[in-house]
């Protein structure tokens, strides 16, 4: 039997990204992506349904990208998987559901941010001076590549913390 667990979202960020560390010391980034759809109801009136999605990633490239470029209100594209975490709170089990962007998943801004425009204008000035160009050229640029350490934090053998949705 074939199982597929894939989520694709195109929406806007509800807030600026939040960053943290699990008790085991792994860095993560959390964002809330808002999507909406419109439809006509029984009375032929247009209705809009808005849904918020909790999205978490442990990928160091995506975290760097989030720090440098993602801001509230930006249009983003997310590819990940549905995931659920549970923890004990006051003796009760609390379940949290969200979207996990694994290593190699996608979490991209589809808009230009002020940081991107500043970086490009600085790199344009880099041809004038070699000393200032070397600093400005690489600043804020995050390649879309493989994970840094090559490990998937969701691998059952390697990951023991709950996912911080």
C-alpha atoms as a PDB file:
ATOM      1  CA  UNK A   1       0.000   0.000   0.000  1.00  0.00           C
ATOM      2  CA  UNK A   2       1.275   3.429  -0.926  1.00  0.00           C
ATOM      3  CA  UNK A   3       1.177   6.157   1.727  1.00  0.00           C
ATOM      4  CA  UNK A   4       1.583   9.826   0.911  1.00  0.00           C
ATOM      5  CA  UNK A   5       1.901  12.578   3.480  1.00  0.00           C
ATOM      6  CA  UNK A   6       2.427  15.807   1.580  1.00  0.00           C
ATOM      7  CA  UNK A   7       1.219  19.351   2.248  1.00  0.00           C
ATOM      8  CA  UNK A   8       1.536  22.312  -0.093  1.00  0.00           C
ATOM      9  CA  UNK A   9       0.510  25.761   1.082  1.00  0.00           C
ATOM     10  CA  UNK A  10       0.487  29.125  -0.620  1.00  0.00           C
ATOM     11  CA  UNK A  11      -0.458  31.867   1.797  1.00  0.00           C
ATOM     12  CA  UNK A  12       0.605  34.845   3.862  1.00  0.00           C
ATOM     13  CA  UNK A  13       2.521  34.919   7.131  1.00  0.00           C
ATOM     14  CA  UNK A  14       0.304  35.836  10.078  1.00  0.00           C
ATOM     15  CA  UNK A  15       3.309  37.009  12.146  1.00  0.00           C
ATOM     16  CA  UNK A  16       7.057  37.310  11.962  1.00  0.00           C
ATOM     17  CA  UNK A  17       8.785  33.935  12.360  1.00  0.00           C
ATOM     18  CA  UNK A  18       9.611  32.795  15.890  1.00  0.00           C
ATOM     19  CA  UNK A  19      12.800  30.936  16.710  1.00  0.00           C
ATOM     20  CA  UNK A  20      13.690  28.609  19.529  1.00  0.00           C
ATOM     21  CA  UNK A  21      15.502  25.513  20.697  1.00  0.00           C
ATOM     22  CA  UNK A  22      14.181  22.138  21.744  1.00  0.00           C
ATOM     23  CA  UNK A  23      15.260  20.755  25.137  1.00  0.00           C
ATOM     24  CA  UNK A  24      17.771  18.626  23.205  1.00  0.00           C
ATOM     25  CA  UNK A  25      19.340  21.797  21.730  1.00  0.00           C
ATOM     26  CA  UNK A  26      18.031  21.659  18.140  1.00  0.00           C
ATOM     27  CA  UNK A  27      17.176  25.030  16.590  1.00  0.00           C
ATOM     28  CA  UNK A  28      13.742  25.477  15.037  1.00  0.00           C
ATOM     29  CA  UNK A  29      11.683  28.137  13.323  1.00  0.00           C
ATOM     30  CA  UNK A  30       7.909  28.403  13.619  1.00  0.00           C
ATOM     31  CA  UNK A  31       5.627  30.396  11.319  1.00  0.00           C
ATOM     32  CA  UNK A  32       1.871  30.631  10.958  1.00  0.00           C
ATOM     33  CA  UNK A  33       0.645  30.617   7.351  1.00  0.00           C
ATOM     34  CA  UNK A  34      -2.844  31.917   6.585  1.00  0.00           C
ATOM     35  CA  UNK A  35      -4.736  30.543   3.592  1.00  0.00           C
ATOM     36  CA  UNK A  36      -8.239  31.385   2.419  1.00  0.00           C
ATOM     37  CA  UNK A  37     -10.777  30.262  -0.139  1.00  0.00           C
ATOM     38  CA  UNK A  38     -13.992  31.791  -1.441  1.00  0.00           C
ATOM     39  CA  UNK A  39     -17.236  30.088  -2.395  1.00  0.00           C
ATOM     40  CA  UNK A  40     -20.920  30.840  -2.968  1.00  0.00           C
ATOM     41  CA  UNK A  41     -23.281  29.668  -0.255  1.00  0.00           C
ATOM     42  CA  UNK A  42     -26.912  28.456  -0.627  1.00  0.00           C
ATOM     43  CA  UNK A  43     -28.167  32.055  -0.820  1.00  0.00           C
ATOM     44  CA  UNK A  44     -25.773  32.848  -3.689  1.00  0.00           C
ATOM     45  CA  UNK A  45     -23.663  35.053  -1.399  1.00  0.00           C
ATOM     46  CA  UNK A  46     -19.869  34.967  -1.500  1.00  0.00           C
ATOM     47  CA  UNK A  47     -18.261  33.549   1.642  1.00  0.00           C
ATOM     48  CA  UNK A  48     -14.596  33.426   2.570  1.00  0.00           C
ATOM     49  CA  UNK A  49     -13.042  30.793   4.808  1.00  0.00           C
ATOM     50  CA  UNK A  50      -9.652  31.568   6.358  1.00  0.00           C
ATOM     51  CA  UNK A  51      -7.464  28.893   7.944  1.00  0.00           C
ATOM     52  CA  UNK A  52      -4.220  29.254   9.914  1.00  0.00           C
ATOM     53  CA  UNK A  53      -1.554  26.569   9.601  1.00  0.00           C
ATOM     54  CA  UNK A  54       1.266  26.062  12.103  1.00  0.00           C
ATOM     55  CA  UNK A  55       4.504  25.365  10.236  1.00  0.00           C
ATOM     56  CA  UNK A  56       7.783  24.255  11.841  1.00  0.00           C
ATOM     57  CA  UNK A  57      11.209  23.498  10.390  1.00  0.00           C
ATOM     58  CA  UNK A  58      14.516  22.330  11.821  1.00  0.00           C
ATOM     59  CA  UNK A  59      16.410  22.847   8.543  1.00  0.00           C
ATOM     60  CA  UNK A  60      19.308  25.262   9.114  1.00  0.00           C
ATOM     61  CA  UNK A  61      18.973  26.713   5.597  1.00  0.00           C
ATOM     62  CA  UNK A  62      15.275  27.501   6.127  1.00  0.00           C
ATOM     63  CA  UNK A  63      15.990  29.024   9.545  1.00  0.00           C
ATOM     64  CA  UNK A  64      18.655  31.307   8.063  1.00  0.00           C
ATOM     65  CA  UNK A  65      16.275  32.215   5.224  1.00  0.00           C
ATOM     66  CA  UNK A  66      13.559  32.990   7.775  1.00  0.00           C
ATOM     67  CA  UNK A  67      15.779  35.253   9.874  1.00  0.00           C
ATOM     68  CA  UNK A  68      16.981  37.207   6.865  1.00  0.00           C
ATOM     69  CA  UNK A  69      13.893  37.431   4.706  1.00  0.00           C
ATOM     70  CA  UNK A  70      10.543  36.406   6.189  1.00  0.00           C
ATOM     71  CA  UNK A  71       8.253  39.072   7.653  1.00  0.00           C
ATOM     72  CA  UNK A  72       4.591  39.307   8.606  1.00  0.00           C
ATOM     73  CA  UNK A  73       2.263  39.579   5.618  1.00  0.00           C
ATOM     74  CA  UNK A  74       4.664  38.105   3.063  1.00  0.00           C
ATOM     75  CA  UNK A  75       3.429  35.572   0.524  1.00  0.00           C
ATOM     76  CA  UNK A  76       5.131  32.196   1.103  1.00  0.00           C
ATOM     77  CA  UNK A  77       5.146  28.756  -0.487  1.00  0.00           C
ATOM     78  CA  UNK A  78       5.472  25.730   1.820  1.00  0.00           C
ATOM     79  CA  UNK A  79       6.029  22.053   1.029  1.00  0.00           C
ATOM     80  CA  UNK A  80       6.051  19.730   3.989  1.00  0.00           C
ATOM     81  CA  UNK A  81       4.147  16.964   5.724  1.00  0.00           C
ATOM     82  CA  UNK A  82       1.364  16.720   8.283  1.00  0.00           C
ATOM     83  CA  UNK A  83       2.700  15.952  11.713  1.00  0.00           C
ATOM     84  CA  UNK A  84       1.384  15.659  15.232  1.00  0.00           C
ATOM     85  CA  UNK A  85       3.129  16.073  18.564  1.00  0.00           C
ATOM     86  CA  UNK A  86       1.864  15.372  22.043  1.00  0.00           C
ATOM     87  CA  UNK A  87       2.954  16.371  25.505  1.00  0.00           C
ATOM     88  CA  UNK A  88       1.705  16.212  29.048  1.00  0.00           C
ATOM     89  CA  UNK A  89       0.316  19.476  30.473  1.00  0.00           C
ATOM     90  CA  UNK A  90      -1.071  19.386  34.015  1.00  0.00           C
ATOM     91  CA  UNK A  91      -1.556  15.632  33.796  1.00  0.00           C
ATOM     92  CA  UNK A  92      -3.468  15.797  30.509  1.00  0.00           C
ATOM     93  CA  UNK A  93      -2.178  14.808  27.093  1.00  0.00           C
ATOM     94  CA  UNK A  94      -2.282  17.751  24.678  1.00  0.00           C
ATOM     95  CA  UNK A  95      -2.055  17.078  20.937  1.00  0.00           C
ATOM     96  CA  UNK A  96      -0.776  19.686  18.494  1.00  0.00           C
ATOM     97  CA  UNK A  97      -1.029  19.330  14.738  1.00  0.00           C
ATOM     98  CA  UNK A  98       0.833  21.238  12.090  1.00  0.00           C
ATOM     99  CA  UNK A  99       3.016  21.110   9.030  1.00  0.00           C
ATOM    100  CA  UNK A 100       6.628  19.995   9.350  1.00  0.00           C
ATOM    101  CA  UNK A 101       9.057  21.195   6.684  1.00  0.00           C
ATOM    102  CA  UNK A 102      11.710  18.444   6.707  1.00  0.00           C
ATOM    103  CA  UNK A 103      15.284  18.673   5.487  1.00  0.00           C
ATOM    104  CA  UNK A 104      15.065  19.405   1.790  1.00  0.00           C
ATOM    105  CA  UNK A 105      11.464  20.657   2.091  1.00  0.00           C
ATOM    106  CA  UNK A 106      10.429  24.076   0.847  1.00  0.00           C
ATOM    107  CA  UNK A 107       9.644  27.266   2.702  1.00  0.00           C
ATOM    108  CA  UNK A 108      10.169  30.166   0.314  1.00  0.00           C
ATOM    109  CA  UNK A 109       9.144  33.783   0.286  1.00  0.00           C
ATOM    110  CA  UNK A 110       7.548  34.759  -3.022  1.00  0.00           C
ATOM    111  CA  UNK A 111       7.955  38.486  -2.425  1.00  0.00           C
ATOM    112  CA  UNK A 112      10.927  40.759  -2.293  1.00  0.00           C
ATOM    113  CA  UNK A 113      11.755  42.005   1.188  1.00  0.00           C
ATOM    114  CA  UNK A 114      13.576  45.193   2.123  1.00  0.00           C
ATOM    115  CA  UNK A 115      16.553  43.072   3.249  1.00  0.00           C
ATOM    116  CA  UNK A 116      16.811  41.477  -0.216  1.00  0.00           C
ATOM    117  CA  UNK A 117      16.710  44.860  -1.935  1.00  0.00           C
ATOM    118  CA  UNK A 118      19.387  46.278   0.400  1.00  0.00           C
ATOM    119  CA  UNK A 119      21.633  43.258  -0.234  1.00  0.00           C
ATOM    120  CA  UNK A 120      21.288  43.589  -3.991  1.00  0.00           C
ATOM    121  CA  UNK A 121      22.006  47.321  -3.909  1.00  0.00           C
ATOM    122  CA  UNK A 122      25.098  46.692  -1.765  1.00  0.00           C
ATOM    123  CA  UNK A 123      26.361  43.961  -4.090  1.00  0.00           C
ATOM    124  CA  UNK A 124      25.908  46.403  -6.986  1.00  0.00           C
ATOM    125  CA  UNK A 125      28.255  48.791  -5.179  1.00  0.00           C
ATOM    126  CA  UNK A 126      30.763  45.965  -4.643  1.00  0.00           C
ATOM    127  CA  UNK A 127      32.330  46.502  -8.062  1.00  0.00           C
ATOM    128  CA  UNK A 128      33.583  49.901  -6.841  1.00  0.00           C
ATOM    129  CA  UNK A 129      35.518  48.669  -3.842  1.00  0.00           C
ATOM    130  CA  UNK A 130      36.964  45.223  -3.245  1.00  0.00           C
ATOM    131  CA  UNK A 131      36.979  45.497   0.570  1.00  0.00           C
ATOM    132  CA  UNK A 132      33.341  46.486   0.923  1.00  0.00           C
ATOM    133  CA  UNK A 133      32.248  44.149  -1.871  1.00  0.00           C
ATOM    134  CA  UNK A 134      33.399  40.980  -0.180  1.00  0.00           C
ATOM    135  CA  UNK A 135      31.252  41.690   2.877  1.00  0.00           C
ATOM    136  CA  UNK A 136      28.135  42.834   1.039  1.00  0.00           C
ATOM    137  CA  UNK A 137      28.179  40.150  -1.641  1.00  0.00           C
ATOM    138  CA  UNK A 138      27.420  37.166   0.595  1.00  0.00           C
ATOM    139  CA  UNK A 139      25.268  38.919   3.179  1.00  0.00           C
ATOM    140  CA  UNK A 140      21.729  37.618   3.399  1.00  0.00           C
ATOM    141  CA  UNK A 141      22.137  35.054   0.622  1.00  0.00           C
ATOM    142  CA  UNK A 142      20.896  31.586   1.480  1.00  0.00           C
ATOM    143  CA  UNK A 143      21.435  28.899  -1.160  1.00  0.00           C
ATOM    144  CA  UNK A 144      18.728  26.364  -1.829  1.00  0.00           C
ATOM    145  CA  UNK A 145      20.756  23.269  -1.161  1.00  0.00           C
ATOM    146  CA  UNK A 146      20.997  20.081   0.807  1.00  0.00           C
ATOM    147  CA  UNK A 147      20.855  20.074   4.592  1.00  0.00           C
ATOM    148  CA  UNK A 148      24.048  21.092   6.350  1.00  0.00           C
ATOM    149  CA  UNK A 149      24.462  17.991   8.479  1.00  0.00           C
ATOM    150  CA  UNK A 150      22.545  15.566   6.241  1.00  0.00           C
ATOM    151  CA  UNK A 151      20.423  14.253   9.119  1.00  0.00           C
ATOM    152  CA  UNK A 152      16.661  14.288   9.306  1.00  0.00           C
ATOM    153  CA  UNK A 153      15.577  15.379  12.817  1.00  0.00           C
ATOM    154  CA  UNK A 154      12.326  13.454  12.504  1.00  0.00           C
ATOM    155  CA  UNK A 155      14.143  10.144  12.111  1.00  0.00           C
ATOM    156  CA  UNK A 156      12.857   8.073  15.044  1.00  0.00           C
ATOM    157  CA  UNK A 157      16.376   7.048  16.055  1.00  0.00           C
ATOM    158  CA  UNK A 158      17.682  10.582  16.237  1.00  0.00           C
ATOM    159  CA  UNK A 159      14.782  12.704  17.462  1.00  0.00           C
ATOM    160  CA  UNK A 160      13.242  12.487  20.904  1.00  0.00           C
ATOM    161  CA  UNK A 161      11.692  15.947  21.515  1.00  0.00           C
ATOM    162  CA  UNK A 162       8.141  16.849  20.616  1.00  0.00           C
ATOM    163  CA  UNK A 163       7.696  19.071  17.590  1.00  0.00           C
ATOM    164  CA  UNK A 164       7.055  22.638  18.797  1.00  0.00           C
ATOM    165  CA  UNK A 165       3.833  23.503  16.946  1.00  0.00           C
END
